[in-house]
């Protein structure tokens, strides 16, 4: 398989960061990275241009990282609370998603893209959670989240139901008496006469 060397113009998960020169499959570069503007071909003819572009991208990345770190320091005291309609045992009607978290952060004055909120699956029960927000590829913020009922209280999770008592063993049956009465002992099968 043919590989191509490219300069990345954007941070791409599992490929590399902005300003890095990486080798990727030729088809991936030709069909995705180059048409989308995520990368530039790194050929011998444009190495000087690429180096200048790479330096500019690295400077831009350093500024963005410093901005993200400042934003993280500013946002460290944030905690979010969501009041939702709750059913039995603390289960929510609906859920709290990354979109809800992004809207709550936006309401507090922080514009965060919902795709930067690292929530594996929607929150579907009341309780306290922590969610990571990726401000920069090297800067992550942890936000505490509380999900409560509409009345503001967190319903107690129901205690597990006590196990039903196991039935007591039946008193031993006198075998000759059982045979005389035509009863069948537990675990035996009876053939019906036709």
N, C-alpha and C. Protein backbone atom coordinates (compact mmCIF):
# COMPACT_ATOMS: atom_id res chain seq x y z
N UNK A 1 0.84 -1.18 0.00
CA UNK A 1 0.00 0.00 0.00
C UNK A 1 0.89 1.24 0.00
N UNK A 2 0.45 2.21 -0.74
CA UNK A 2 1.23 3.44 -0.87
C UNK A 2 0.90 4.40 0.27
N UNK A 3 1.92 5.04 0.78
CA UNK A 3 1.76 6.06 1.81
C UNK A 3 2.11 7.41 1.23
N UNK A 4 1.52 8.44 1.81
CA UNK A 4 1.77 9.81 1.38
C UNK A 4 2.15 10.63 2.61
N UNK A 5 3.08 11.55 2.46
CA UNK A 5 3.47 12.44 3.55
C UNK A 5 2.69 13.74 3.42
N UNK A 6 2.02 14.14 4.53
CA UNK A 6 1.21 15.36 4.51
C UNK A 6 1.50 16.20 5.74
N UNK A 7 1.21 17.49 5.63
CA UNK A 7 1.26 18.42 6.75
C UNK A 7 -0.18 18.62 7.22
N UNK A 8 -0.45 18.34 8.49
CA UNK A 8 -1.81 18.48 9.02
C UNK A 8 -2.10 19.94 9.35
N UNK A 9 -3.26 20.40 8.91
CA UNK A 9 -3.69 21.77 9.20
C UNK A 9 -4.68 21.83 10.35
N UNK A 10 -5.18 20.67 10.76
CA UNK A 10 -6.14 20.57 11.86
C UNK A 10 -5.71 19.42 12.77
N UNK A 11 -6.18 19.45 14.02
CA UNK A 11 -5.96 18.34 14.93
C UNK A 11 -6.91 17.22 14.52
N UNK A 12 -6.37 16.05 14.29
CA UNK A 12 -7.19 14.90 13.93
C UNK A 12 -6.91 13.76 14.89
N UNK A 13 -7.96 13.28 15.52
CA UNK A 13 -7.85 12.17 16.46
C UNK A 13 -7.24 10.97 15.74
N UNK A 14 -6.31 10.31 16.34
CA UNK A 14 -5.65 9.10 15.84
C UNK A 14 -4.75 9.34 14.62
N UNK A 15 -4.57 10.59 14.20
CA UNK A 15 -3.68 10.87 13.07
C UNK A 15 -2.53 11.75 13.55
N UNK A 16 -2.86 12.89 14.16
CA UNK A 16 -1.82 13.78 14.65
C UNK A 16 -2.37 15.16 14.93
N UNK A 17 -1.50 16.04 15.38
CA UNK A 17 -1.90 17.40 15.70
C UNK A 17 -1.56 18.37 14.59
N UNK A 18 -2.15 19.54 14.69
CA UNK A 18 -1.92 20.59 13.70
C UNK A 18 -0.43 20.92 13.63
N UNK A 19 0.09 21.03 12.40
CA UNK A 19 1.49 21.38 12.21
C UNK A 19 2.41 20.18 12.11
N UNK A 20 1.91 19.00 12.38
CA UNK A 20 2.74 17.80 12.29
C UNK A 20 2.80 17.30 10.86
N UNK A 21 3.95 16.74 10.50
CA UNK A 21 4.11 16.09 9.20
C UNK A 21 4.02 14.60 9.46
N UNK A 22 3.01 13.96 8.85
CA UNK A 22 2.74 12.54 9.11
C UNK A 22 2.60 11.76 7.81
N UNK A 23 2.80 10.46 7.89
CA UNK A 23 2.57 9.58 6.75
C UNK A 23 1.21 8.92 6.94
N UNK A 24 0.39 8.99 5.90
CA UNK A 24 -0.93 8.37 5.91
C UNK A 24 -1.11 7.58 4.62
N UNK A 25 -2.13 6.75 4.57
CA UNK A 25 -2.44 6.00 3.35
C UNK A 25 -2.78 7.00 2.24
N UNK A 26 -2.35 6.69 1.04
CA UNK A 26 -2.55 7.60 -0.10
C UNK A 26 -4.04 7.85 -0.35
N UNK A 27 -4.87 6.83 -0.24
CA UNK A 27 -6.30 7.01 -0.48
C UNK A 27 -6.95 7.89 0.56
N UNK A 28 -6.53 7.76 1.82
CA UNK A 28 -7.06 8.59 2.90
C UNK A 28 -6.72 10.06 2.66
N UNK A 29 -5.48 10.30 2.25
CA UNK A 29 -5.06 11.67 1.95
C UNK A 29 -5.82 12.22 0.74
N UNK A 30 -5.86 11.44 -0.33
CA UNK A 30 -6.46 11.88 -1.59
C UNK A 30 -7.98 12.08 -1.46
N UNK A 31 -8.65 11.20 -0.74
CA UNK A 31 -10.12 11.23 -0.69
C UNK A 31 -10.70 12.01 0.47
N UNK A 32 -9.92 12.21 1.54
CA UNK A 32 -10.49 12.88 2.71
C UNK A 32 -9.71 14.10 3.17
N UNK A 33 -8.44 13.90 3.50
CA UNK A 33 -7.65 14.98 4.10
C UNK A 33 -7.47 16.18 3.17
N UNK A 34 -7.07 15.94 1.95
CA UNK A 34 -6.81 17.05 1.02
C UNK A 34 -8.10 17.77 0.59
N UNK A 35 -9.17 17.07 0.17
CA UNK A 35 -10.39 17.79 -0.23
C UNK A 35 -11.04 18.58 0.91
N UNK A 36 -10.94 18.07 2.14
CA UNK A 36 -11.54 18.76 3.28
C UNK A 36 -10.67 19.91 3.80
N UNK A 37 -9.44 20.02 3.31
CA UNK A 37 -8.54 21.08 3.74
C UNK A 37 -7.88 20.78 5.07
N UNK A 38 -7.90 19.52 5.50
CA UNK A 38 -7.28 19.14 6.76
C UNK A 38 -5.77 18.97 6.63
N UNK A 39 -5.26 18.86 5.41
CA UNK A 39 -3.83 18.62 5.21
C UNK A 39 -3.38 19.18 3.88
N UNK A 40 -2.04 19.31 3.73
CA UNK A 40 -1.39 19.72 2.50
C UNK A 40 -0.34 18.67 2.18
N UNK A 41 -0.18 18.36 0.90
CA UNK A 41 0.85 17.40 0.50
C UNK A 41 2.23 17.94 0.85
N UNK A 42 3.07 17.08 1.40
CA UNK A 42 4.44 17.45 1.72
C UNK A 42 5.35 16.87 0.65
N UNK A 43 5.60 17.66 -0.40
CA UNK A 43 6.47 17.21 -1.49
C UNK A 43 7.77 17.98 -1.44
N UNK A 44 8.76 17.52 -2.18
CA UNK A 44 10.06 18.20 -2.20
C UNK A 44 9.94 19.62 -2.72
N UNK A 45 9.02 19.85 -3.64
CA UNK A 45 8.85 21.18 -4.23
C UNK A 45 8.29 22.22 -3.28
N UNK A 46 7.51 21.80 -2.33
CA UNK A 46 6.89 22.81 -1.44
C UNK A 46 7.34 22.67 0.02
N UNK A 47 8.53 22.13 0.25
CA UNK A 47 9.03 21.94 1.61
C UNK A 47 9.23 23.29 2.32
N UNK A 48 9.77 24.32 1.63
CA UNK A 48 9.96 25.63 2.28
C UNK A 48 8.62 26.23 2.68
N UNK A 49 7.67 26.15 1.78
CA UNK A 49 6.33 26.69 2.08
C UNK A 49 5.72 25.93 3.25
N UNK A 50 5.91 24.61 3.26
CA UNK A 50 5.35 23.79 4.33
C UNK A 50 6.00 24.13 5.67
N UNK A 51 7.31 24.33 5.69
CA UNK A 51 7.99 24.68 6.93
C UNK A 51 7.49 26.00 7.49
N UNK A 52 7.29 27.00 6.61
CA UNK A 52 6.75 28.29 7.07
C UNK A 52 5.33 28.11 7.60
N UNK A 53 4.55 27.33 6.88
CA UNK A 53 3.17 27.08 7.31
C UNK A 53 3.15 26.32 8.62
N UNK A 54 4.08 25.37 8.75
CA UNK A 54 4.16 24.56 9.97
C UNK A 54 4.51 25.44 11.17
N UNK A 55 5.45 26.35 11.00
CA UNK A 55 5.85 27.27 12.08
C UNK A 55 4.67 28.15 12.48
N UNK A 56 3.94 28.66 11.49
CA UNK A 56 2.78 29.50 11.78
C UNK A 56 1.71 28.70 12.52
N UNK A 57 1.49 27.45 12.10
CA UNK A 57 0.49 26.62 12.76
C UNK A 57 0.88 26.29 14.20
N UNK A 58 2.16 26.05 14.42
CA UNK A 58 2.63 25.75 15.77
C UNK A 58 2.48 26.96 16.70
N UNK A 59 2.74 28.16 16.17
CA UNK A 59 2.54 29.39 16.95
C UNK A 59 1.07 29.55 17.30
N UNK A 60 0.22 29.32 16.31
CA UNK A 60 -1.22 29.43 16.52
C UNK A 60 -1.68 28.42 17.57
N UNK A 61 -1.15 27.19 17.49
CA UNK A 61 -1.51 26.15 18.46
C UNK A 61 -1.07 26.52 19.87
N UNK A 62 0.11 27.14 20.00
CA UNK A 62 0.60 27.55 21.32
C UNK A 62 -0.30 28.63 21.91
N UNK A 63 -0.75 29.56 21.08
CA UNK A 63 -1.66 30.61 21.55
C UNK A 63 -2.99 30.00 21.97
N UNK A 64 -3.50 29.06 21.18
CA UNK A 64 -4.77 28.41 21.51
C UNK A 64 -4.66 27.61 22.80
N UNK A 65 -3.52 26.96 23.02
CA UNK A 65 -3.33 26.19 24.25
C UNK A 65 -3.31 27.13 25.46
N UNK A 66 -2.60 28.25 25.34
CA UNK A 66 -2.55 29.21 26.44
C UNK A 66 -3.95 29.77 26.73
N UNK A 67 -4.72 30.03 25.68
CA UNK A 67 -6.09 30.53 25.85
C UNK A 67 -6.95 29.46 26.54
N UNK A 68 -6.79 28.20 26.13
CA UNK A 68 -7.57 27.12 26.72
C UNK A 68 -7.22 26.92 28.19
N UNK A 69 -5.93 27.05 28.54
CA UNK A 69 -5.53 26.92 29.95
C UNK A 69 -6.11 28.05 30.79
N UNK A 70 -6.13 29.26 30.23
CA UNK A 70 -6.73 30.39 30.95
C UNK A 70 -8.23 30.17 31.12
N UNK A 71 -8.87 29.64 30.08
CA UNK A 71 -10.30 29.36 30.16
C UNK A 71 -10.58 28.28 31.20
N UNK A 72 -9.72 27.27 31.26
CA UNK A 72 -9.91 26.20 32.26
C UNK A 72 -9.82 26.77 33.67
N UNK A 73 -8.83 27.65 33.93
CA UNK A 73 -8.69 28.26 35.25
C UNK A 73 -9.93 29.07 35.61
N UNK A 74 -10.48 29.75 34.61
CA UNK A 74 -11.66 30.57 34.83
C UNK A 74 -12.90 29.70 35.09
N UNK A 75 -12.97 28.53 34.47
CA UNK A 75 -14.16 27.69 34.56
C UNK A 75 -14.08 26.63 35.65
N UNK A 76 -12.97 26.54 36.39
CA UNK A 76 -12.80 25.47 37.37
C UNK A 76 -13.85 25.49 38.47
N UNK A 77 -14.42 26.64 38.78
CA UNK A 77 -15.40 26.72 39.86
C UNK A 77 -16.83 26.41 39.40
N UNK A 78 -17.01 26.14 38.12
CA UNK A 78 -18.35 25.88 37.58
C UNK A 78 -18.85 24.51 37.99
N UNK A 79 -20.11 24.45 38.37
CA UNK A 79 -20.81 23.18 38.55
C UNK A 79 -22.21 23.38 37.98
N UNK A 80 -22.75 22.34 37.39
CA UNK A 80 -24.06 22.43 36.73
C UNK A 80 -25.07 21.57 37.46
N UNK A 81 -26.32 22.06 37.51
CA UNK A 81 -27.42 21.30 38.11
C UNK A 81 -28.55 21.24 37.10
N UNK A 82 -29.08 20.06 36.90
CA UNK A 82 -30.20 19.86 35.99
C UNK A 82 -31.36 19.30 36.77
N UNK A 83 -32.54 19.93 36.64
CA UNK A 83 -33.76 19.44 37.28
C UNK A 83 -34.61 18.79 36.19
N UNK A 84 -34.91 17.53 36.38
CA UNK A 84 -35.67 16.78 35.38
C UNK A 84 -36.82 16.05 36.06
N UNK A 85 -37.81 15.70 35.26
CA UNK A 85 -38.92 14.90 35.74
C UNK A 85 -38.39 13.50 36.02
N UNK A 86 -38.72 12.98 37.21
CA UNK A 86 -38.15 11.72 37.65
C UNK A 86 -39.25 10.71 37.94
N UNK A 87 -39.00 9.48 37.56
CA UNK A 87 -39.92 8.40 37.85
C UNK A 87 -39.44 7.63 39.07
N UNK A 88 -39.91 6.41 39.18
CA UNK A 88 -39.52 5.57 40.31
C UNK A 88 -38.02 5.30 40.30
N UNK A 89 -37.48 5.15 41.48
CA UNK A 89 -36.08 4.75 41.67
C UNK A 89 -35.08 5.73 41.06
N UNK A 90 -35.45 6.97 40.84
CA UNK A 90 -34.50 7.97 40.35
C UNK A 90 -34.25 7.94 38.86
N UNK A 91 -35.03 7.20 38.10
CA UNK A 91 -34.85 7.16 36.64
C UNK A 91 -35.51 8.39 36.03
N UNK A 92 -34.81 9.03 35.10
CA UNK A 92 -35.31 10.24 34.46
C UNK A 92 -36.27 9.92 33.32
N UNK A 93 -37.23 10.80 33.12
CA UNK A 93 -38.03 10.75 31.90
C UNK A 93 -37.22 11.57 30.90
N UNK A 94 -36.56 10.92 29.99
CA UNK A 94 -35.63 11.60 29.09
C UNK A 94 -34.22 11.40 29.62
N UNK A 95 -33.33 12.35 29.33
CA UNK A 95 -31.94 12.21 29.78
C UNK A 95 -31.25 13.57 29.73
N UNK A 96 -30.04 13.61 30.25
CA UNK A 96 -29.19 14.79 30.16
C UNK A 96 -28.09 14.43 29.17
N UNK A 97 -28.01 15.19 28.06
CA UNK A 97 -27.07 14.88 26.99
C UNK A 97 -25.97 15.94 26.92
N UNK A 98 -25.02 15.71 26.03
CA UNK A 98 -23.95 16.69 25.83
C UNK A 98 -24.51 18.00 25.30
N UNK A 99 -25.61 17.94 24.55
CA UNK A 99 -26.27 19.16 24.05
C UNK A 99 -26.81 19.98 25.23
N UNK A 100 -27.42 19.32 26.22
CA UNK A 100 -27.93 20.01 27.40
C UNK A 100 -26.79 20.67 28.18
N UNK A 101 -25.69 19.96 28.31
CA UNK A 101 -24.54 20.50 29.04
C UNK A 101 -23.96 21.70 28.31
N UNK A 102 -23.87 21.62 26.97
CA UNK A 102 -23.35 22.74 26.18
C UNK A 102 -24.27 23.96 26.32
N UNK A 103 -25.59 23.74 26.33
CA UNK A 103 -26.52 24.86 26.49
C UNK A 103 -26.40 25.49 27.87
N UNK A 104 -26.21 24.66 28.91
CA UNK A 104 -26.06 25.18 30.27
C UNK A 104 -24.76 25.99 30.39
N UNK A 105 -23.69 25.52 29.77
CA UNK A 105 -22.44 26.28 29.79
C UNK A 105 -22.59 27.58 29.01
N UNK A 106 -23.31 27.54 27.90
CA UNK A 106 -23.56 28.74 27.09
C UNK A 106 -24.36 29.75 27.90
N UNK A 107 -25.33 29.28 28.68
CA UNK A 107 -26.12 30.18 29.52
C UNK A 107 -25.26 30.86 30.58
N UNK A 108 -24.18 30.20 31.00
CA UNK A 108 -23.27 30.80 31.98
C UNK A 108 -22.21 31.67 31.32
N UNK A 109 -22.25 31.76 29.98
CA UNK A 109 -21.33 32.64 29.27
C UNK A 109 -20.12 31.97 28.65
N UNK A 110 -20.10 30.65 28.61
CA UNK A 110 -18.98 29.91 28.03
C UNK A 110 -19.48 29.14 26.81
N UNK A 111 -18.99 29.55 25.65
CA UNK A 111 -19.44 28.90 24.42
C UNK A 111 -18.55 27.69 24.14
N UNK A 112 -19.10 26.51 24.38
CA UNK A 112 -18.37 25.25 24.19
C UNK A 112 -19.16 24.41 23.19
N UNK A 113 -18.45 23.88 22.19
CA UNK A 113 -19.08 23.01 21.20
C UNK A 113 -19.45 21.69 21.87
N UNK A 114 -20.64 21.17 21.61
CA UNK A 114 -21.10 19.94 22.26
C UNK A 114 -20.22 18.74 21.94
N UNK A 115 -19.52 18.77 20.81
CA UNK A 115 -18.64 17.65 20.46
C UNK A 115 -17.39 17.63 21.32
N UNK A 116 -17.12 18.71 22.04
CA UNK A 116 -15.95 18.75 22.93
C UNK A 116 -16.30 18.27 24.34
N UNK A 117 -17.57 17.95 24.55
CA UNK A 117 -18.00 17.43 25.85
C UNK A 117 -17.93 15.91 25.76
N UNK A 118 -17.06 15.32 26.57
CA UNK A 118 -16.79 13.89 26.49
C UNK A 118 -17.74 13.13 27.42
N UNK A 119 -18.91 12.81 26.89
CA UNK A 119 -19.95 12.09 27.63
C UNK A 119 -20.20 10.79 26.88
N UNK A 120 -19.83 9.66 27.50
CA UNK A 120 -19.94 8.38 26.81
C UNK A 120 -21.37 8.05 26.44
N UNK A 121 -22.28 8.26 27.37
CA UNK A 121 -23.69 8.05 27.09
C UNK A 121 -24.50 9.02 27.93
N UNK A 122 -25.71 9.27 27.50
CA UNK A 122 -26.57 10.24 28.18
C UNK A 122 -26.82 9.81 29.62
N UNK A 123 -26.98 10.81 30.51
CA UNK A 123 -27.25 10.55 31.92
C UNK A 123 -28.75 10.29 32.07
N UNK A 124 -29.11 9.14 32.64
CA UNK A 124 -30.51 8.74 32.71
C UNK A 124 -31.01 8.53 34.13
N UNK A 125 -30.19 8.83 35.13
CA UNK A 125 -30.60 8.68 36.52
C UNK A 125 -30.16 9.90 37.32
N UNK A 126 -30.86 10.15 38.41
CA UNK A 126 -30.46 11.25 39.28
C UNK A 126 -29.15 10.88 39.96
N UNK A 127 -28.43 11.91 40.38
CA UNK A 127 -27.18 11.68 41.08
C UNK A 127 -26.16 12.74 40.73
N UNK A 128 -24.94 12.51 41.18
CA UNK A 128 -23.85 13.44 40.91
C UNK A 128 -22.86 12.77 39.97
N UNK A 129 -22.43 13.51 38.97
CA UNK A 129 -21.55 12.99 37.93
C UNK A 129 -20.43 13.98 37.67
N UNK A 130 -19.39 13.54 36.98
CA UNK A 130 -18.36 14.44 36.49
C UNK A 130 -18.22 14.19 34.99
N UNK A 131 -18.09 15.28 34.25
CA UNK A 131 -17.99 15.20 32.79
C UNK A 131 -16.74 15.98 32.37
N UNK A 132 -15.98 15.40 31.45
CA UNK A 132 -14.79 16.08 30.93
C UNK A 132 -15.14 16.91 29.71
N UNK A 133 -14.58 18.12 29.66
CA UNK A 133 -14.76 19.02 28.52
C UNK A 133 -13.37 19.26 27.93
N UNK A 134 -13.21 18.95 26.66
CA UNK A 134 -11.92 19.09 25.99
C UNK A 134 -11.83 20.49 25.40
N UNK A 135 -11.10 21.37 26.08
CA UNK A 135 -10.95 22.75 25.63
C UNK A 135 -9.89 22.86 24.53
N UNK A 136 -8.92 21.97 24.57
CA UNK A 136 -7.82 21.90 23.61
C UNK A 136 -7.34 20.47 23.65
N UNK A 137 -6.61 20.02 22.66
CA UNK A 137 -6.23 18.61 22.67
C UNK A 137 -5.37 18.24 23.86
N UNK A 138 -4.74 19.22 24.50
CA UNK A 138 -3.91 18.96 25.68
C UNK A 138 -4.51 19.54 26.95
N UNK A 139 -5.68 20.19 26.87
CA UNK A 139 -6.28 20.83 28.04
C UNK A 139 -7.71 20.31 28.21
N UNK A 140 -7.94 19.66 29.37
CA UNK A 140 -9.26 19.10 29.65
C UNK A 140 -9.76 19.65 30.99
N UNK A 141 -11.03 19.98 31.04
CA UNK A 141 -11.67 20.51 32.24
C UNK A 141 -12.66 19.48 32.76
N UNK A 142 -12.71 19.27 34.07
CA UNK A 142 -13.67 18.36 34.67
C UNK A 142 -14.78 19.20 35.31
N UNK A 143 -16.03 18.95 34.88
CA UNK A 143 -17.18 19.72 35.37
C UNK A 143 -18.07 18.81 36.20
N UNK A 144 -18.33 19.16 37.48
CA UNK A 144 -19.26 18.37 38.28
C UNK A 144 -20.71 18.69 37.88
N UNK A 145 -21.53 17.64 37.78
CA UNK A 145 -22.92 17.80 37.36
C UNK A 145 -23.81 17.09 38.37
N UNK A 146 -24.88 17.77 38.78
CA UNK A 146 -25.88 17.16 39.66
C UNK A 146 -27.20 17.10 38.91
N UNK A 147 -27.81 15.93 38.91
CA UNK A 147 -29.11 15.75 38.27
C UNK A 147 -30.12 15.46 39.37
N UNK A 148 -31.14 16.33 39.48
CA UNK A 148 -32.13 16.20 40.54
C UNK A 148 -33.53 16.09 39.95
N UNK A 149 -34.48 15.82 40.83
CA UNK A 149 -35.88 15.83 40.42
C UNK A 149 -36.35 17.26 40.24
N UNK A 150 -37.53 17.44 39.65
CA UNK A 150 -38.04 18.80 39.42
C UNK A 150 -38.24 19.57 40.71
N UNK A 151 -38.51 18.86 41.80
CA UNK A 151 -38.70 19.54 43.08
C UNK A 151 -37.38 19.91 43.74
N UNK A 152 -36.27 19.56 43.10
CA UNK A 152 -34.95 19.93 43.60
C UNK A 152 -34.33 18.89 44.50
N UNK A 153 -35.08 17.86 44.84
CA UNK A 153 -34.54 16.82 45.71
C UNK A 153 -34.10 15.62 44.88
N UNK A 154 -33.09 14.98 45.38
CA UNK A 154 -32.67 13.74 44.72
C UNK A 154 -33.40 12.60 45.39
N UNK A 155 -34.27 11.90 44.64
CA UNK A 155 -34.98 10.80 45.25
C UNK A 155 -34.00 9.71 45.69
N UNK A 156 -34.32 9.11 46.82
CA UNK A 156 -33.48 8.03 47.30
C UNK A 156 -33.63 6.85 46.37
N UNK A 157 -32.53 6.25 46.07
CA UNK A 157 -32.59 5.03 45.26
C UNK A 157 -33.23 3.97 46.14
N UNK A 158 -34.16 3.25 45.56
CA UNK A 158 -34.87 2.24 46.32
C UNK A 158 -33.91 1.14 46.73
N UNK A 159 -34.08 0.70 47.99
CA UNK A 159 -33.26 -0.40 48.46
C UNK A 159 -33.70 -1.65 47.74
N UNK A 160 -32.80 -2.54 47.47
CA UNK A 160 -33.21 -3.75 46.78
C UNK A 160 -34.24 -4.51 47.59
N UNK A 161 -35.23 -5.05 46.92
CA UNK A 161 -36.29 -5.78 47.59
C UNK A 161 -35.69 -6.98 48.30
N UNK A 162 -36.18 -7.25 49.52
CA UNK A 162 -35.63 -8.40 50.22
C UNK A 162 -35.95 -9.67 49.44
N UNK A 163 -35.03 -10.61 49.49
CA UNK A 163 -35.24 -11.85 48.78
C UNK A 163 -36.39 -12.60 49.43
N UNK A 164 -37.20 -13.22 48.59
CA UNK A 164 -38.31 -14.01 49.11
C UNK A 164 -37.73 -15.21 49.82
N UNK A 165 -38.38 -15.57 50.92
CA UNK A 165 -37.90 -16.72 51.66
C UNK A 165 -38.06 -17.97 50.82
N UNK A 166 -37.08 -18.82 50.91
CA UNK A 166 -37.16 -20.06 50.16
C UNK A 166 -38.19 -20.94 50.84
N UNK A 167 -38.99 -21.66 50.04
CA UNK A 167 -39.99 -22.52 50.66
C UNK A 167 -39.31 -23.59 51.50
N UNK A 168 -39.95 -23.87 52.60
CA UNK A 168 -39.40 -24.89 53.49
C UNK A 168 -39.60 -26.25 52.86
N UNK A 169 -38.67 -27.13 53.12
CA UNK A 169 -38.78 -28.48 52.57
C UNK A 169 -39.99 -29.16 53.17
N UNK A 170 -40.70 -29.89 52.33
CA UNK A 170 -41.89 -30.61 52.80
C UNK A 170 -41.46 -31.73 53.74
N UNK A 171 -42.33 -32.05 54.62
CA UNK A 171 -42.04 -33.13 55.55
C UNK A 171 -41.88 -34.43 54.77
N UNK A 172 -40.97 -35.29 55.17
CA UNK A 172 -40.77 -36.53 54.44
C UNK A 172 -42.06 -37.34 54.40
N UNK A 173 -42.31 -37.90 53.24
CA UNK A 173 -43.53 -38.67 53.03
C UNK A 173 -43.19 -40.14 53.21
N UNK A 174 -44.08 -40.82 53.88
CA UNK A 174 -43.88 -42.25 54.09
C UNK A 174 -44.08 -42.93 52.74
N UNK A 175 -43.04 -43.54 52.17
CA UNK A 175 -43.10 -44.09 50.82
C UNK A 175 -44.19 -45.12 50.62
N UNK A 176 -44.38 -46.08 51.47
CA UNK A 176 -45.44 -47.05 51.21
C UNK A 176 -46.81 -46.38 51.17
N UNK A 177 -47.03 -45.40 52.01
CA UNK A 177 -48.31 -44.72 52.02
C UNK A 177 -48.51 -43.96 50.72
N UNK A 178 -47.44 -43.27 50.20
CA UNK A 178 -47.54 -42.51 48.96
C UNK A 178 -47.82 -43.44 47.80
N UNK A 179 -47.19 -44.61 47.76
CA UNK A 179 -47.41 -45.55 46.68
C UNK A 179 -48.82 -46.08 46.71
N UNK A 180 -49.33 -46.30 47.90
CA UNK A 180 -50.69 -46.83 48.04
C UNK A 180 -51.72 -45.82 47.57
N UNK A 181 -51.45 -44.53 47.79
CA UNK A 181 -52.41 -43.51 47.40
C UNK A 181 -52.26 -43.11 45.93
N UNK A 182 -51.23 -43.60 45.24
CA UNK A 182 -51.04 -43.30 43.83
C UNK A 182 -50.43 -41.93 43.58
N UNK A 183 -49.85 -41.33 44.59
CA UNK A 183 -49.21 -40.03 44.38
C UNK A 183 -47.84 -40.23 43.77
N UNK A 184 -47.33 -39.21 43.18
CA UNK A 184 -46.05 -39.27 42.50
C UNK A 184 -45.07 -38.41 43.29
N UNK A 185 -43.90 -38.94 43.54
CA UNK A 185 -42.87 -38.18 44.25
C UNK A 185 -42.31 -37.11 43.32
N UNK A 186 -41.74 -36.06 43.92
CA UNK A 186 -41.21 -34.95 43.15
C UNK A 186 -40.08 -35.43 42.25
N UNK A 187 -40.10 -35.05 40.98
CA UNK A 187 -39.04 -35.41 40.04
C UNK A 187 -39.37 -36.67 39.25
N UNK A 188 -40.42 -37.43 39.60
CA UNK A 188 -40.79 -38.63 38.86
C UNK A 188 -41.78 -38.27 37.78
N UNK A 189 -41.79 -39.08 36.77
CA UNK A 189 -42.78 -38.90 35.71
C UNK A 189 -43.72 -40.07 35.70
N UNK A 190 -44.92 -39.84 35.27
CA UNK A 190 -45.93 -40.90 35.24
C UNK A 190 -46.38 -41.09 33.81
N UNK A 191 -46.44 -42.33 33.38
CA UNK A 191 -46.93 -42.60 32.04
C UNK A 191 -48.43 -42.83 32.11
N UNK A 192 -49.15 -42.18 31.24
CA UNK A 192 -50.60 -42.33 31.23
C UNK A 192 -50.98 -43.57 30.43
N UNK A 193 -51.95 -44.31 30.94
CA UNK A 193 -52.40 -45.49 30.22
C UNK A 193 -53.43 -45.06 29.21
N UNK A 194 -53.37 -45.64 28.01
CA UNK A 194 -54.30 -45.25 26.98
C UNK A 194 -55.51 -46.14 26.94
